[in-house]
Amino acid sequence: MRLEGCMPDNETVVLAHLNGAGLGLKSLDIHGAYLCLNCHDIYDGRKQTNPPFDPDLLELEMLRAIINTQKILDQEGLL
């Protein structure tokens, strides 16, 4: 997502799922993006910023990150 404090070269990068699948449910892996711990925590609401990010902006950035992740997976022959 490349939010403030992003650590893209860090070993904390994991597949983060798109929010909104339902209470206690995760979206499909195809609806996930590689995010560092910082961006993942901000997106999931575990970390607050000052000023806070607009929720619509976070959702847009997550969708962009999903597209970028899918490009990587395609280039690696995994999609």
Protein backbone atom coordinates (compact mmCIF):
# COMPACT_ATOMS: atom_id res chain seq x y z
CA MET A 1 0.00 0.00 0.00
CA ARG A 2 3.05 2.21 0.48
CA LEU A 3 1.51 4.11 3.40
CA GLU A 4 3.61 6.32 5.66
CA GLY A 5 6.07 4.09 7.53
CA CYS A 6 5.93 1.36 4.86
CA MET A 7 8.61 -1.35 5.13
CA PRO A 8 8.38 -3.13 1.72
CA ASP A 9 11.83 -4.73 1.96
CA ASN A 10 11.12 -6.06 5.44
CA GLU A 11 10.57 -9.71 6.31
CA THR A 12 7.16 -8.74 7.75
CA VAL A 13 5.50 -8.72 4.29
CA VAL A 14 2.51 -11.10 4.23
CA LEU A 15 -0.63 -11.64 2.17
CA ALA A 16 -3.31 -9.39 3.68
CA HIS A 17 -6.93 -10.06 2.77
CA LEU A 18 -9.44 -7.48 1.60
CA ASN A 19 -11.78 -6.52 4.44
CA GLY A 20 -15.53 -6.98 4.16
CA ALA A 21 -16.00 -10.74 3.65
CA GLY A 22 -18.20 -10.93 6.75
CA LEU A 23 -17.85 -11.29 10.48
CA GLY A 24 -15.11 -13.78 11.24
CA LEU A 25 -14.54 -14.56 7.55
CA LYS A 26 -11.61 -13.79 5.28
CA SER A 27 -11.79 -12.87 1.63
CA LEU A 28 -10.42 -15.32 -0.92
CA ASP A 29 -6.64 -15.32 -1.34
CA ILE A 30 -7.13 -13.85 -4.84
CA HIS A 31 -8.49 -10.79 -3.01
CA GLY A 32 -5.28 -10.32 -1.06
CA ALA A 33 -2.23 -8.11 -1.35
CA TYR A 34 1.36 -8.31 -0.16
CA LEU A 35 1.56 -5.77 2.68
CA CYS A 36 4.24 -5.01 5.23
CA LEU A 37 3.33 -5.11 8.92
CA ASN A 38 2.91 -1.32 9.08
CA CYS A 39 0.49 -1.09 6.12
CA HIS A 40 -1.38 -4.23 7.24
CA ASP A 41 -1.89 -2.83 10.75
CA ILE A 42 -3.13 0.51 9.40
CA TYR A 43 -5.49 -1.16 6.91
CA ASP A 44 -6.93 -3.52 9.54
CA GLY A 45 -7.28 -0.72 12.11
CA ARG A 46 -4.74 -2.08 14.60
CA LYS A 47 -2.59 1.04 14.19
CA GLN A 48 -3.89 4.60 14.25
CA THR A 49 -2.25 7.50 12.46
CA ASN A 50 -2.50 11.21 13.13
CA PRO A 51 -4.29 12.45 11.17
CA PRO A 52 -6.21 9.24 10.44
CA PHE A 53 -6.41 7.94 6.89
CA ASP A 54 -9.73 8.38 5.10
CA PRO A 55 -11.37 4.90 5.00
CA ASP A 56 -12.20 5.34 1.30
CA LEU A 57 -8.55 6.14 0.53
CA LEU A 58 -7.41 3.05 2.44
CA GLU A 59 -9.83 0.90 0.45
CA LEU A 60 -8.63 2.38 -2.84
CA GLU A 61 -4.99 1.84 -1.88
CA MET A 62 -5.77 -1.75 -0.90
CA LEU A 63 -7.41 -2.38 -4.28
CA ARG A 64 -4.34 -0.96 -6.01
CA ALA A 65 -2.13 -3.20 -3.87
CA ILE A 66 -4.23 -6.24 -4.85
CA ILE A 67 -3.76 -5.40 -8.53
CA ASN A 68 0.01 -5.04 -8.03
CA THR A 69 0.12 -8.36 -6.14
CA GLN A 70 -1.78 -10.09 -8.93
CA LYS A 71 0.74 -8.73 -11.45
CA ILE A 72 3.59 -10.22 -9.38
CA LEU A 73 1.80 -13.57 -9.11
CA ASP A 74 1.16 -13.58 -12.86
CA GLN A 75 4.81 -12.81 -13.64
CA GLU A 76 5.84 -15.72 -11.41
CA GLY A 77 3.39 -18.04 -13.20
CA LEU A 78 1.32 -18.50 -10.06
CA LEU A 79 -1.88 -16.92 -11.32
